[in-house]
């Protein structure tokens, strides 16, 4: 059984998750919500999850921002990011061993890897290359390349339920035909369900 370090215990005590029901952002947190974008319903039905958009929280000069893959990949003030979610609902997850893993040096690496993706176009066809990036791909690649941590198992497009009419309509719009069945993909649902993350706040 892993014994918590003194450092991790002190950090947990010094930086509570929430105060009076309020989320206290911390560098490296991962936020999820249900997007109101046109593709959100298709993602929900294909992945069987209500969470369709996500990003990484950073504190810039004490102000929380979210690194997210939209058009293009950019930093968005947390308040603006939350306002785009359906009915204001959101969930915050954090690495289970954040106190030990998210050292200042590790956070610098996460920021540096994330910055390399800033300005890239959004990937409408969910390809695994770095040429264009979608939201869960951004989060997965940042943590994998910065820390060697894989948040969720990669799947193939063919693993999802593509039979729904809304999904089929989005497929015709994006691909014009059948998508490549063996294309590696990481969904918001897979990251959300990663055993390496714990929920620290939700509203």
N, C-alpha and C. Protein backbone atom coordinates (compact mmCIF):
# COMPACT_ATOMS: atom_id res chain seq x y z
N UNK A 1 0.85 -1.19 0.00
CA UNK A 1 0.00 0.00 0.00
C UNK A 1 0.88 1.24 0.00
N UNK A 2 0.53 2.20 -0.85
CA UNK A 2 1.34 3.40 -0.95
C UNK A 2 1.12 4.31 0.25
N UNK A 3 2.20 4.78 0.86
CA UNK A 3 2.12 5.67 2.01
C UNK A 3 2.25 7.11 1.52
N UNK A 4 1.30 7.98 1.83
CA UNK A 4 1.41 9.36 1.38
C UNK A 4 2.66 10.03 1.92
N UNK A 5 3.29 10.84 1.08
CA UNK A 5 4.45 11.58 1.54
C UNK A 5 4.00 12.78 2.36
N UNK A 6 4.92 13.28 3.20
CA UNK A 6 4.60 14.47 3.99
C UNK A 6 4.23 15.63 3.08
N UNK A 7 4.95 15.72 1.95
CA UNK A 7 4.69 16.80 1.00
C UNK A 7 3.26 16.73 0.48
N UNK A 8 2.82 15.51 0.11
CA UNK A 8 1.48 15.37 -0.45
C UNK A 8 0.42 15.68 0.59
N UNK A 9 0.65 15.30 1.86
CA UNK A 9 -0.32 15.58 2.90
C UNK A 9 -0.44 17.08 3.17
N UNK A 10 0.71 17.75 3.21
CA UNK A 10 0.69 19.19 3.45
C UNK A 10 0.02 19.94 2.31
N UNK A 11 0.28 19.48 1.07
CA UNK A 11 -0.32 20.14 -0.08
C UNK A 11 -1.84 19.96 -0.07
N UNK A 12 -2.27 18.77 0.28
CA UNK A 12 -3.71 18.51 0.32
C UNK A 12 -4.40 19.39 1.36
N UNK A 13 -3.72 19.60 2.51
CA UNK A 13 -4.30 20.43 3.56
C UNK A 13 -4.25 21.91 3.19
N UNK A 14 -3.20 22.30 2.50
CA UNK A 14 -3.01 23.72 2.21
C UNK A 14 -3.87 24.21 1.06
N UNK A 15 -4.27 23.30 0.16
CA UNK A 15 -5.02 23.72 -1.01
C UNK A 15 -6.28 22.89 -1.12
N UNK A 16 -7.34 23.23 -0.39
CA UNK A 16 -8.57 22.47 -0.42
C UNK A 16 -9.22 22.51 -1.80
N UNK A 17 -10.02 21.49 -2.08
CA UNK A 17 -10.67 21.40 -3.38
C UNK A 17 -11.69 22.51 -3.57
N UNK A 18 -12.47 22.78 -2.55
CA UNK A 18 -13.52 23.78 -2.69
C UNK A 18 -13.73 24.48 -1.36
N UNK A 19 -14.21 25.68 -1.45
CA UNK A 19 -14.57 26.43 -0.24
C UNK A 19 -15.97 26.97 -0.43
N UNK A 20 -16.84 26.65 0.51
CA UNK A 20 -18.23 27.10 0.46
C UNK A 20 -18.87 26.76 -0.88
N UNK A 21 -18.58 25.55 -1.37
CA UNK A 21 -19.19 25.10 -2.61
C UNK A 21 -18.59 25.70 -3.86
N UNK A 22 -17.45 26.36 -3.73
CA UNK A 22 -16.84 27.04 -4.87
C UNK A 22 -15.61 26.27 -5.33
N UNK A 23 -15.45 26.16 -6.64
CA UNK A 23 -14.28 25.47 -7.20
C UNK A 23 -13.05 26.34 -7.07
N UNK A 24 -11.98 25.79 -6.51
CA UNK A 24 -10.70 26.49 -6.41
C UNK A 24 -9.75 25.89 -7.44
N UNK A 25 -9.56 26.56 -8.56
CA UNK A 25 -8.76 25.99 -9.65
C UNK A 25 -7.32 25.72 -9.23
N UNK A 26 -6.77 24.66 -9.80
CA UNK A 26 -5.38 24.29 -9.55
C UNK A 26 -4.73 23.92 -10.89
N UNK A 27 -3.48 24.28 -11.07
CA UNK A 27 -2.76 23.93 -12.29
C UNK A 27 -2.84 22.43 -12.55
N UNK A 28 -3.17 22.08 -13.79
CA UNK A 28 -3.21 20.67 -14.18
C UNK A 28 -4.55 20.00 -14.00
N UNK A 29 -5.54 20.71 -13.43
CA UNK A 29 -6.89 20.15 -13.35
C UNK A 29 -7.43 19.93 -14.77
N UNK A 30 -8.34 18.98 -14.89
CA UNK A 30 -8.98 18.70 -16.17
C UNK A 30 -10.48 18.92 -16.00
N UNK A 31 -11.04 19.77 -16.85
CA UNK A 31 -12.45 20.13 -16.74
C UNK A 31 -13.24 19.53 -17.90
N UNK A 32 -14.47 19.10 -17.58
CA UNK A 32 -15.36 18.48 -18.56
C UNK A 32 -16.72 19.18 -18.51
N UNK A 33 -17.33 19.33 -19.67
CA UNK A 33 -18.73 19.73 -19.70
C UNK A 33 -19.38 19.18 -20.96
N UNK A 34 -20.68 19.43 -21.05
CA UNK A 34 -21.43 19.04 -22.25
C UNK A 34 -21.52 20.26 -23.14
N UNK A 35 -20.86 20.19 -24.26
CA UNK A 35 -20.80 21.32 -25.17
C UNK A 35 -22.16 21.55 -25.83
N UNK A 36 -22.41 22.78 -26.20
CA UNK A 36 -23.61 23.12 -26.97
C UNK A 36 -23.30 23.22 -28.46
N UNK A 37 -22.16 22.68 -28.88
CA UNK A 37 -21.78 22.72 -30.29
C UNK A 37 -22.66 21.78 -31.11
N UNK A 38 -22.59 21.93 -32.41
CA UNK A 38 -23.44 21.13 -33.29
C UNK A 38 -23.06 19.65 -33.29
N UNK A 39 -21.81 19.33 -32.94
CA UNK A 39 -21.40 17.93 -32.95
C UNK A 39 -21.63 17.24 -31.61
N UNK A 40 -22.05 17.98 -30.59
CA UNK A 40 -22.12 17.43 -29.24
C UNK A 40 -23.06 16.24 -29.13
N UNK A 41 -24.24 16.34 -29.73
CA UNK A 41 -25.21 15.24 -29.63
C UNK A 41 -24.66 13.99 -30.29
N UNK A 42 -23.99 14.15 -31.42
CA UNK A 42 -23.41 13.00 -32.10
C UNK A 42 -22.36 12.32 -31.23
N UNK A 43 -21.52 13.11 -30.57
CA UNK A 43 -20.50 12.54 -29.69
C UNK A 43 -21.16 11.81 -28.52
N UNK A 44 -22.18 12.41 -27.95
CA UNK A 44 -22.88 11.76 -26.83
C UNK A 44 -23.42 10.39 -27.24
N UNK A 45 -24.03 10.33 -28.40
CA UNK A 45 -24.66 9.08 -28.82
C UNK A 45 -23.63 8.04 -29.26
N UNK A 46 -22.53 8.49 -29.83
CA UNK A 46 -21.51 7.54 -30.28
C UNK A 46 -20.71 6.99 -29.11
N UNK A 47 -20.48 7.82 -28.09
CA UNK A 47 -19.63 7.40 -26.96
C UNK A 47 -20.42 6.97 -25.74
N UNK A 48 -21.74 7.19 -25.74
CA UNK A 48 -22.60 6.85 -24.60
C UNK A 48 -22.20 7.63 -23.35
N UNK A 49 -21.81 8.86 -23.55
CA UNK A 49 -21.42 9.73 -22.43
C UNK A 49 -21.96 11.13 -22.68
N UNK A 50 -22.35 11.80 -21.61
CA UNK A 50 -22.87 13.17 -21.77
C UNK A 50 -21.76 14.20 -21.91
N UNK A 51 -20.52 13.84 -21.56
CA UNK A 51 -19.42 14.81 -21.60
C UNK A 51 -18.76 14.81 -22.97
N UNK A 52 -18.75 15.99 -23.58
CA UNK A 52 -18.30 16.07 -24.97
C UNK A 52 -17.17 17.06 -25.19
N UNK A 53 -16.80 17.81 -24.16
CA UNK A 53 -15.70 18.76 -24.33
C UNK A 53 -14.89 18.82 -23.03
N UNK A 54 -13.60 19.11 -23.17
CA UNK A 54 -12.70 19.09 -22.02
C UNK A 54 -11.49 19.96 -22.29
N UNK A 55 -10.75 20.28 -21.23
CA UNK A 55 -9.53 21.05 -21.36
C UNK A 55 -8.72 21.00 -20.07
N UNK A 56 -7.57 21.63 -20.09
CA UNK A 56 -6.64 21.63 -18.95
C UNK A 56 -6.61 23.02 -18.33
N UNK A 57 -6.72 23.08 -17.01
CA UNK A 57 -6.72 24.35 -16.29
C UNK A 57 -5.29 24.76 -15.96
N UNK A 58 -5.01 26.04 -16.17
CA UNK A 58 -3.76 26.65 -15.73
C UNK A 58 -4.07 27.97 -15.04
N UNK A 59 -3.19 28.37 -14.13
CA UNK A 59 -3.31 29.68 -13.50
C UNK A 59 -2.29 30.60 -14.14
N UNK A 60 -2.77 31.60 -14.84
CA UNK A 60 -1.91 32.58 -15.48
C UNK A 60 -2.00 33.88 -14.70
N UNK A 61 -0.94 34.19 -13.95
CA UNK A 61 -0.99 35.37 -13.11
C UNK A 61 -2.09 35.29 -12.08
N UNK A 62 -2.38 34.07 -11.62
CA UNK A 62 -3.42 33.87 -10.63
C UNK A 62 -4.82 33.75 -11.21
N UNK A 63 -4.95 33.97 -12.51
CA UNK A 63 -6.27 33.89 -13.16
C UNK A 63 -6.40 32.56 -13.90
N UNK A 64 -7.47 31.80 -13.65
CA UNK A 64 -7.60 30.48 -14.28
C UNK A 64 -8.00 30.57 -15.75
N UNK A 65 -7.30 29.80 -16.56
CA UNK A 65 -7.61 29.68 -17.98
C UNK A 65 -7.67 28.20 -18.33
N UNK A 66 -8.26 27.90 -19.47
CA UNK A 66 -8.40 26.52 -19.92
C UNK A 66 -7.72 26.38 -21.28
N UNK A 67 -6.76 25.46 -21.36
CA UNK A 67 -6.18 25.11 -22.65
C UNK A 67 -7.15 24.15 -23.32
N UNK A 68 -7.68 24.54 -24.46
CA UNK A 68 -8.70 23.73 -25.11
C UNK A 68 -8.49 23.71 -26.62
N UNK A 69 -8.97 22.64 -27.24
CA UNK A 69 -8.94 22.52 -28.69
C UNK A 69 -10.29 22.93 -29.22
N UNK A 70 -10.35 24.16 -29.70
CA UNK A 70 -11.50 24.65 -30.44
C UNK A 70 -10.93 25.10 -31.79
N UNK A 71 -11.35 26.22 -32.30
CA UNK A 71 -10.75 26.71 -33.54
C UNK A 71 -10.19 28.09 -33.31
N UNK A 72 -8.86 28.19 -33.06
CA UNK A 72 -7.88 27.10 -32.98
C UNK A 72 -7.70 26.66 -31.52
N UNK A 73 -6.67 25.84 -31.28
CA UNK A 73 -6.27 25.50 -29.90
C UNK A 73 -5.82 26.79 -29.22
N UNK A 74 -6.37 27.05 -28.03
CA UNK A 74 -6.06 28.33 -27.38
C UNK A 74 -6.34 28.25 -25.89
N UNK A 75 -5.94 29.30 -25.18
CA UNK A 75 -6.24 29.48 -23.77
C UNK A 75 -7.50 30.35 -23.65
N UNK A 76 -8.47 29.85 -22.89
CA UNK A 76 -9.73 30.54 -22.72
C UNK A 76 -9.95 30.81 -21.23
N UNK A 77 -10.33 32.01 -20.83
CA UNK A 77 -10.65 32.25 -19.42
C UNK A 77 -11.65 31.21 -18.91
N UNK A 78 -11.40 30.70 -17.71
CA UNK A 78 -12.24 29.63 -17.18
C UNK A 78 -13.71 30.01 -17.16
N UNK A 79 -14.02 31.23 -16.76
CA UNK A 79 -15.42 31.65 -16.71
C UNK A 79 -16.10 31.56 -18.06
N UNK A 80 -15.39 31.97 -19.11
CA UNK A 80 -15.95 31.87 -20.46
C UNK A 80 -16.14 30.42 -20.87
N UNK A 81 -15.16 29.59 -20.51
CA UNK A 81 -15.24 28.17 -20.86
C UNK A 81 -16.45 27.53 -20.19
N UNK A 82 -16.65 27.81 -18.91
CA UNK A 82 -17.77 27.23 -18.19
C UNK A 82 -19.10 27.70 -18.74
N UNK A 83 -19.16 28.96 -19.16
CA UNK A 83 -20.41 29.53 -19.67
C UNK A 83 -20.88 28.85 -20.94
N UNK A 84 -19.96 28.22 -21.67
CA UNK A 84 -20.33 27.55 -22.91
C UNK A 84 -20.92 26.17 -22.67
N UNK A 85 -20.81 25.65 -21.45
CA UNK A 85 -21.33 24.32 -21.16
C UNK A 85 -22.84 24.33 -20.98
N UNK A 86 -23.45 23.19 -21.19
CA UNK A 86 -24.90 23.07 -21.10
C UNK A 86 -25.37 23.23 -19.65
N UNK A 87 -26.22 24.23 -19.40
CA UNK A 87 -26.84 24.49 -18.11
C UNK A 87 -25.84 24.73 -16.98
N UNK A 88 -24.62 25.13 -17.34
CA UNK A 88 -23.63 25.45 -16.33
C UNK A 88 -23.03 24.27 -15.60
N UNK A 89 -23.36 23.05 -16.04
CA UNK A 89 -22.83 21.86 -15.36
C UNK A 89 -21.40 21.59 -15.84
N UNK A 90 -20.53 21.26 -14.89
CA UNK A 90 -19.17 20.85 -15.25
C UNK A 90 -18.61 19.95 -14.16
N UNK A 91 -17.59 19.20 -14.54
CA UNK A 91 -16.90 18.29 -13.62
C UNK A 91 -15.41 18.58 -13.69
N UNK A 92 -14.75 18.58 -12.53
CA UNK A 92 -13.31 18.78 -12.48
C UNK A 92 -12.67 17.48 -11.99
N UNK A 93 -11.67 17.02 -12.73
CA UNK A 93 -10.91 15.85 -12.31
C UNK A 93 -9.45 16.24 -12.16
N UNK A 94 -8.74 15.42 -11.38
CA UNK A 94 -7.34 15.70 -11.08
C UNK A 94 -6.60 14.37 -11.02
N UNK A 95 -5.33 14.38 -11.36
CA UNK A 95 -4.53 13.17 -11.23
C UNK A 95 -4.64 12.62 -9.81
N UNK A 96 -4.82 11.33 -9.69
CA UNK A 96 -4.97 10.70 -8.39
C UNK A 96 -3.75 10.98 -7.50
N UNK A 97 -2.57 11.02 -8.11
CA UNK A 97 -1.33 11.28 -7.37
C UNK A 97 -0.81 12.68 -7.68
N UNK A 98 -1.72 13.64 -7.80
CA UNK A 98 -1.33 14.99 -8.22
C UNK A 98 -0.29 15.61 -7.30
N UNK A 99 -0.41 15.39 -6.00
CA UNK A 99 0.52 16.01 -5.06
C UNK A 99 1.95 15.57 -5.31
N UNK A 100 2.12 14.34 -5.77
CA UNK A 100 3.47 13.83 -6.05
C UNK A 100 3.90 14.07 -7.49
N UNK A 101 2.94 13.98 -8.43
CA UNK A 101 3.28 14.05 -9.85
C UNK A 101 3.36 15.48 -10.39
N UNK A 102 2.48 16.36 -9.90
CA UNK A 102 2.42 17.70 -10.46
C UNK A 102 3.34 18.66 -9.71
N UNK A 103 4.61 18.35 -9.78
CA UNK A 103 5.62 19.23 -9.21
C UNK A 103 5.76 20.47 -10.09
N UNK A 104 6.39 21.53 -9.59
CA UNK A 104 6.59 22.71 -10.43
C UNK A 104 7.28 22.37 -11.75
N UNK A 105 8.26 21.49 -11.72
CA UNK A 105 8.96 21.11 -12.96
C UNK A 105 8.01 20.37 -13.90
N UNK A 106 7.18 19.47 -13.35
CA UNK A 106 6.23 18.72 -14.18
C UNK A 106 5.20 19.67 -14.80
N UNK A 107 4.74 20.63 -14.03
CA UNK A 107 3.77 21.59 -14.57
C UNK A 107 4.40 22.45 -15.66
N UNK A 108 5.67 22.77 -15.51
CA UNK A 108 6.37 23.49 -16.58
C UNK A 108 6.38 22.67 -17.86
N UNK A 109 6.59 21.35 -17.73
CA UNK A 109 6.58 20.48 -18.92
C UNK A 109 5.19 20.44 -19.54
N UNK A 110 4.16 20.34 -18.70
CA UNK A 110 2.80 20.31 -19.22
C UNK A 110 2.49 21.60 -19.97
N UNK A 111 2.89 22.72 -19.40
CA UNK A 111 2.67 24.00 -20.07
C UNK A 111 3.41 24.08 -21.40
N UNK A 112 4.65 23.59 -21.40
CA UNK A 112 5.47 23.66 -22.62
C UNK A 112 4.88 22.79 -23.73
N UNK A 113 4.46 21.58 -23.38
CA UNK A 113 3.86 20.70 -24.38
C UNK A 113 2.56 21.32 -24.88
N UNK A 114 1.75 21.84 -23.96
CA UNK A 114 0.50 22.47 -24.37
C UNK A 114 0.72 23.65 -25.29
N UNK A 115 1.76 24.44 -25.00
CA UNK A 115 2.03 25.61 -25.83
C UNK A 115 2.38 25.22 -27.25
N UNK A 116 3.02 24.05 -27.42
CA UNK A 116 3.35 23.58 -28.76
C UNK A 116 2.12 23.35 -29.62
N UNK A 117 0.99 23.10 -28.98
CA UNK A 117 -0.25 22.84 -29.72
C UNK A 117 -1.06 24.10 -29.98
N UNK A 118 -0.76 25.17 -29.26
CA UNK A 118 -1.55 26.39 -29.42
C UNK A 118 -1.49 26.89 -30.87
N UNK A 119 -2.62 27.31 -31.38
CA UNK A 119 -2.71 27.81 -32.73
C UNK A 119 -3.04 26.75 -33.77
N UNK A 120 -2.96 25.48 -33.40
CA UNK A 120 -3.31 24.42 -34.36
C UNK A 120 -4.82 24.41 -34.59
N UNK A 121 -5.21 24.04 -35.81
CA UNK A 121 -6.63 24.00 -36.16
C UNK A 121 -7.33 22.83 -35.48
N UNK A 122 -8.63 22.98 -35.31
CA UNK A 122 -9.43 21.90 -34.74
C UNK A 122 -9.58 20.78 -35.76
N UNK A 123 -9.53 19.54 -35.28
CA UNK A 123 -9.58 18.37 -36.16
C UNK A 123 -11.01 17.87 -36.29
N UNK A 124 -11.65 18.19 -37.38
CA UNK A 124 -13.05 17.80 -37.61
C UNK A 124 -13.22 16.32 -37.91
N UNK A 125 -12.14 15.64 -38.32
CA UNK A 125 -12.26 14.22 -38.67
C UNK A 125 -11.50 13.31 -37.70
N UNK A 126 -11.09 13.85 -36.58
CA UNK A 126 -10.54 13.06 -35.46
C UNK A 126 -9.40 12.14 -35.87
N UNK A 127 -8.42 12.73 -36.56
CA UNK A 127 -7.23 11.97 -36.95
C UNK A 127 -6.20 12.04 -35.83
N UNK A 128 -5.29 11.05 -35.81
CA UNK A 128 -4.34 10.95 -34.70
C UNK A 128 -3.05 11.72 -34.94
N UNK A 129 -2.89 12.34 -36.07
CA UNK A 129 -1.68 13.13 -36.32
C UNK A 129 -1.74 14.42 -35.51
N UNK A 130 -0.61 15.11 -35.44
CA UNK A 130 -0.54 16.38 -34.72
C UNK A 130 -0.89 17.57 -35.61
N UNK A 131 -1.23 17.32 -36.86
CA UNK A 131 -1.50 18.43 -37.78
C UNK A 131 -2.70 19.25 -37.32
N UNK A 132 -3.74 18.56 -36.88
CA UNK A 132 -4.93 19.19 -36.30
C UNK A 132 -5.28 18.41 -35.03
N UNK A 133 -5.97 19.08 -34.11
CA UNK A 133 -6.16 18.49 -32.78
C UNK A 133 -7.61 18.67 -32.32
N UNK A 134 -8.16 17.62 -31.72
CA UNK A 134 -9.48 17.74 -31.07
C UNK A 134 -9.29 17.70 -29.55
N UNK A 135 -10.35 17.98 -28.80
CA UNK A 135 -10.19 18.32 -27.38
C UNK A 135 -9.58 17.20 -26.53
N UNK A 136 -10.12 15.99 -26.62
CA UNK A 136 -9.60 14.91 -25.78
C UNK A 136 -8.22 14.47 -26.25
N UNK A 137 -7.96 14.58 -27.54
CA UNK A 137 -6.63 14.27 -28.07
C UNK A 137 -5.60 15.23 -27.48
N UNK A 138 -5.96 16.50 -27.38
CA UNK A 138 -5.05 17.50 -26.82
C UNK A 138 -4.68 17.15 -25.39
N UNK A 139 -5.67 16.87 -24.56
CA UNK A 139 -5.42 16.56 -23.16
C UNK A 139 -4.59 15.29 -23.03
N UNK A 140 -4.97 14.25 -23.76
CA UNK A 140 -4.27 12.97 -23.68
C UNK A 140 -2.80 13.13 -24.08
N UNK A 141 -2.55 13.82 -25.20
CA UNK A 141 -1.18 13.96 -25.68
C UNK A 141 -0.34 14.85 -24.76
N UNK A 142 -0.92 15.88 -24.20
CA UNK A 142 -0.16 16.75 -23.30
C UNK A 142 0.32 15.97 -22.08
N UNK A 143 -0.56 15.21 -21.44
CA UNK A 143 -0.16 14.46 -20.26
C UNK A 143 0.77 13.30 -20.60
N UNK A 144 0.55 12.67 -21.74
CA UNK A 144 1.41 11.54 -22.12
C UNK A 144 2.82 12.03 -22.44
N UNK A 145 2.93 13.13 -23.15
CA UNK A 145 4.25 13.60 -23.56
C UNK A 145 4.98 14.33 -22.44
N UNK A 146 4.24 14.98 -21.57
CA UNK A 146 4.88 15.71 -20.48
C UNK A 146 5.23 14.80 -19.31
N UNK A 147 4.36 13.84 -19.00
CA UNK A 147 4.54 13.04 -17.79
C UNK A 147 4.61 11.54 -18.04
N UNK A 148 4.36 11.11 -19.28
CA UNK A 148 4.30 9.68 -19.55
C UNK A 148 3.03 9.04 -19.01
N UNK A 149 2.02 9.85 -18.75
CA UNK A 149 0.75 9.37 -18.18
C UNK A 149 -0.28 9.28 -19.30
N UNK A 150 -0.90 8.11 -19.44
CA UNK A 150 -1.92 7.90 -20.47
C UNK A 150 -3.29 7.89 -19.81
N UNK A 151 -4.05 8.94 -20.06
CA UNK A 151 -5.36 9.11 -19.43
C UNK A 151 -6.43 8.47 -20.28
N UNK A 152 -6.64 7.18 -20.10
CA UNK A 152 -7.64 6.46 -20.87
C UNK A 152 -7.01 5.64 -21.97
N UNK A 153 -7.70 4.60 -22.38
CA UNK A 153 -7.20 3.70 -23.43
C UNK A 153 -7.63 4.20 -24.81
N UNK A 154 -6.67 4.17 -25.73
CA UNK A 154 -7.00 4.52 -27.11
C UNK A 154 -7.98 3.50 -27.68
N UNK A 155 -8.87 3.98 -28.53
CA UNK A 155 -9.82 3.12 -29.22
C UNK A 155 -9.70 3.35 -30.72
N UNK A 156 -10.52 2.65 -31.47
CA UNK A 156 -10.64 2.87 -32.90
C UNK A 156 -12.01 3.46 -33.18
N UNK A 157 -12.12 4.17 -34.29
CA UNK A 157 -13.42 4.76 -34.63
C UNK A 157 -14.50 3.69 -34.69
N UNK A 158 -14.13 2.52 -35.16
CA UNK A 158 -15.11 1.44 -35.30
C UNK A 158 -15.61 0.91 -33.95
N UNK A 159 -14.94 1.27 -32.85
CA UNK A 159 -15.37 0.82 -31.53
C UNK A 159 -16.62 1.56 -31.04
N UNK A 160 -16.93 2.69 -31.65
CA UNK A 160 -18.05 3.49 -31.19
C UNK A 160 -19.34 3.10 -31.91
N UNK A 161 -20.45 3.49 -31.33
CA UNK A 161 -21.76 3.22 -31.94
C UNK A 161 -22.02 4.28 -33.01
N UNK A 162 -21.87 3.88 -34.25
CA UNK A 162 -22.03 4.80 -35.37
C UNK A 162 -23.39 4.67 -36.04
N UNK A 163 -24.29 3.90 -35.45
CA UNK A 163 -25.56 3.57 -36.10
C UNK A 163 -26.62 4.66 -35.96
N UNK A 164 -26.50 5.51 -34.97
CA UNK A 164 -27.51 6.53 -34.73
C UNK A 164 -27.62 7.49 -35.92
N UNK A 165 -28.82 7.96 -36.20
CA UNK A 165 -29.05 8.84 -37.35
C UNK A 165 -28.28 10.15 -37.22
N UNK A 166 -28.21 10.70 -36.00
CA UNK A 166 -27.47 11.95 -35.80
C UNK A 166 -25.99 11.72 -36.07
N UNK A 167 -25.46 10.59 -35.62
CA UNK A 167 -24.05 10.25 -35.87
C UNK A 167 -23.81 10.05 -37.35
N UNK A 168 -24.71 9.34 -38.02
CA UNK A 168 -24.56 9.11 -39.44
C UNK A 168 -24.57 10.41 -40.24
N UNK A 169 -25.42 11.34 -39.84
CA UNK A 169 -25.47 12.63 -40.53
C UNK A 169 -24.15 13.38 -40.36
N UNK A 170 -23.56 13.32 -39.17
CA UNK A 170 -22.29 14.00 -38.94
C UNK A 170 -21.17 13.32 -39.72
N UNK A 171 -21.22 12.00 -39.84
CA UNK A 171 -20.23 11.27 -40.63
C UNK A 171 -20.30 11.70 -42.09
N UNK A 172 -21.50 11.80 -42.63
CA UNK A 172 -21.63 12.23 -44.03
C UNK A 172 -21.11 13.65 -44.22
N UNK A 173 -21.37 14.50 -43.24
CA UNK A 173 -20.91 15.88 -43.31
C UNK A 173 -19.39 15.98 -43.27
N UNK A 174 -18.77 15.20 -42.39
CA UNK A 174 -17.32 15.33 -42.17
C UNK A 174 -16.51 14.50 -43.16
N UNK A 175 -16.92 13.26 -43.42
CA UNK A 175 -16.12 12.36 -44.24
C UNK A 175 -16.67 12.16 -45.66
N UNK A 176 -17.95 12.38 -45.84
CA UNK A 176 -18.55 12.15 -47.14
C UNK A 176 -18.84 10.69 -47.40
N UNK A 177 -18.32 9.83 -46.56
CA UNK A 177 -18.51 8.39 -46.65
C UNK A 177 -18.16 7.79 -45.31
N UNK A 178 -17.74 6.55 -45.30
CA UNK A 178 -17.40 5.90 -44.04
C UNK A 178 -16.06 6.42 -43.51
N UNK A 179 -15.96 6.68 -42.21
CA UNK A 179 -14.68 7.09 -41.63
C UNK A 179 -13.73 5.90 -41.58
N UNK A 180 -12.42 6.16 -41.51
CA UNK A 180 -11.46 5.04 -41.44
C UNK A 180 -11.67 4.26 -40.15
N UNK A 181 -12.06 2.99 -40.23
CA UNK A 181 -12.46 2.25 -39.02
C UNK A 181 -11.33 2.03 -38.03
N UNK A 182 -10.09 1.99 -38.50
CA UNK A 182 -8.96 1.67 -37.61
C UNK A 182 -8.20 2.89 -37.13
N UNK A 183 -8.73 4.09 -37.38
CA UNK A 183 -8.05 5.31 -36.93
C UNK A 183 -8.05 5.35 -35.40
N UNK A 184 -6.87 5.48 -34.77
CA UNK A 184 -6.83 5.59 -33.31
C UNK A 184 -7.56 6.86 -32.85
N UNK A 185 -8.26 6.76 -31.75
CA UNK A 185 -9.01 7.91 -31.24
C UNK A 185 -9.12 7.80 -29.73
N UNK A 186 -9.15 8.97 -29.08
CA UNK A 186 -9.39 9.01 -27.63
C UNK A 186 -10.61 9.91 -27.42
N UNK A 187 -11.59 9.40 -26.72
CA UNK A 187 -12.83 10.15 -26.51
C UNK A 187 -12.81 10.87 -25.17
N UNK A 188 -13.62 11.93 -25.02
CA UNK A 188 -13.76 12.53 -23.69
C UNK A 188 -14.22 11.53 -22.65
N UNK A 189 -15.06 10.57 -23.06
CA UNK A 189 -15.55 9.56 -22.12
C UNK A 189 -14.41 8.70 -21.59
N UNK A 190 -13.46 8.34 -22.47
CA UNK A 190 -12.35 7.49 -22.05
C UNK A 190 -11.46 8.20 -21.04
N UNK A 191 -11.21 9.49 -21.27
CA UNK A 191 -10.41 10.26 -20.30
C UNK A 191 -11.19 10.43 -19.00
N UNK A 192 -12.46 10.75 -19.12
CA UNK A 192 -13.30 10.95 -17.93
C UNK A 192 -13.29 9.72 -17.03
N UNK A 193 -13.28 8.54 -17.63
CA UNK A 193 -13.35 7.29 -16.88
C UNK A 193 -11.99 6.72 -16.50
N UNK A 194 -10.91 7.44 -16.78
CA UNK A 194 -9.58 6.94 -16.46
C UNK A 194 -9.43 6.71 -14.96
N UNK A 195 -8.87 5.56 -14.60
CA UNK A 195 -8.65 5.26 -13.18
C UNK A 195 -7.54 6.11 -12.57
N UNK A 196 -6.82 6.84 -13.42
CA UNK A 196 -5.74 7.70 -12.93
C UNK A 196 -6.25 9.06 -12.46
N UNK A 197 -7.54 9.31 -12.65
CA UNK A 197 -8.13 10.59 -12.27
C UNK A 197 -9.16 10.41 -11.16
N UNK A 198 -9.29 11.45 -10.35
CA UNK A 198 -10.34 11.47 -9.33
C UNK A 198 -11.16 12.76 -9.53
N UNK A 199 -12.43 12.67 -9.22
CA UNK A 199 -13.30 13.84 -9.29
C UNK A 199 -13.09 14.70 -8.04
N UNK A 200 -12.81 15.96 -8.25
CA UNK A 200 -12.58 16.86 -7.10
C UNK A 200 -13.66 17.92 -6.97
N UNK A 201 -14.47 18.10 -8.00
CA UNK A 201 -15.54 19.09 -7.92
C UNK A 201 -16.52 18.84 -9.06
N UNK A 202 -17.77 19.14 -8.82
CA UNK A 202 -18.75 19.13 -9.89
C UNK A 202 -19.90 20.05 -9.52
N UNK A 203 -20.51 20.59 -10.55
CA UNK A 203 -21.66 21.48 -10.33
C UNK A 203 -22.69 21.24 -11.43
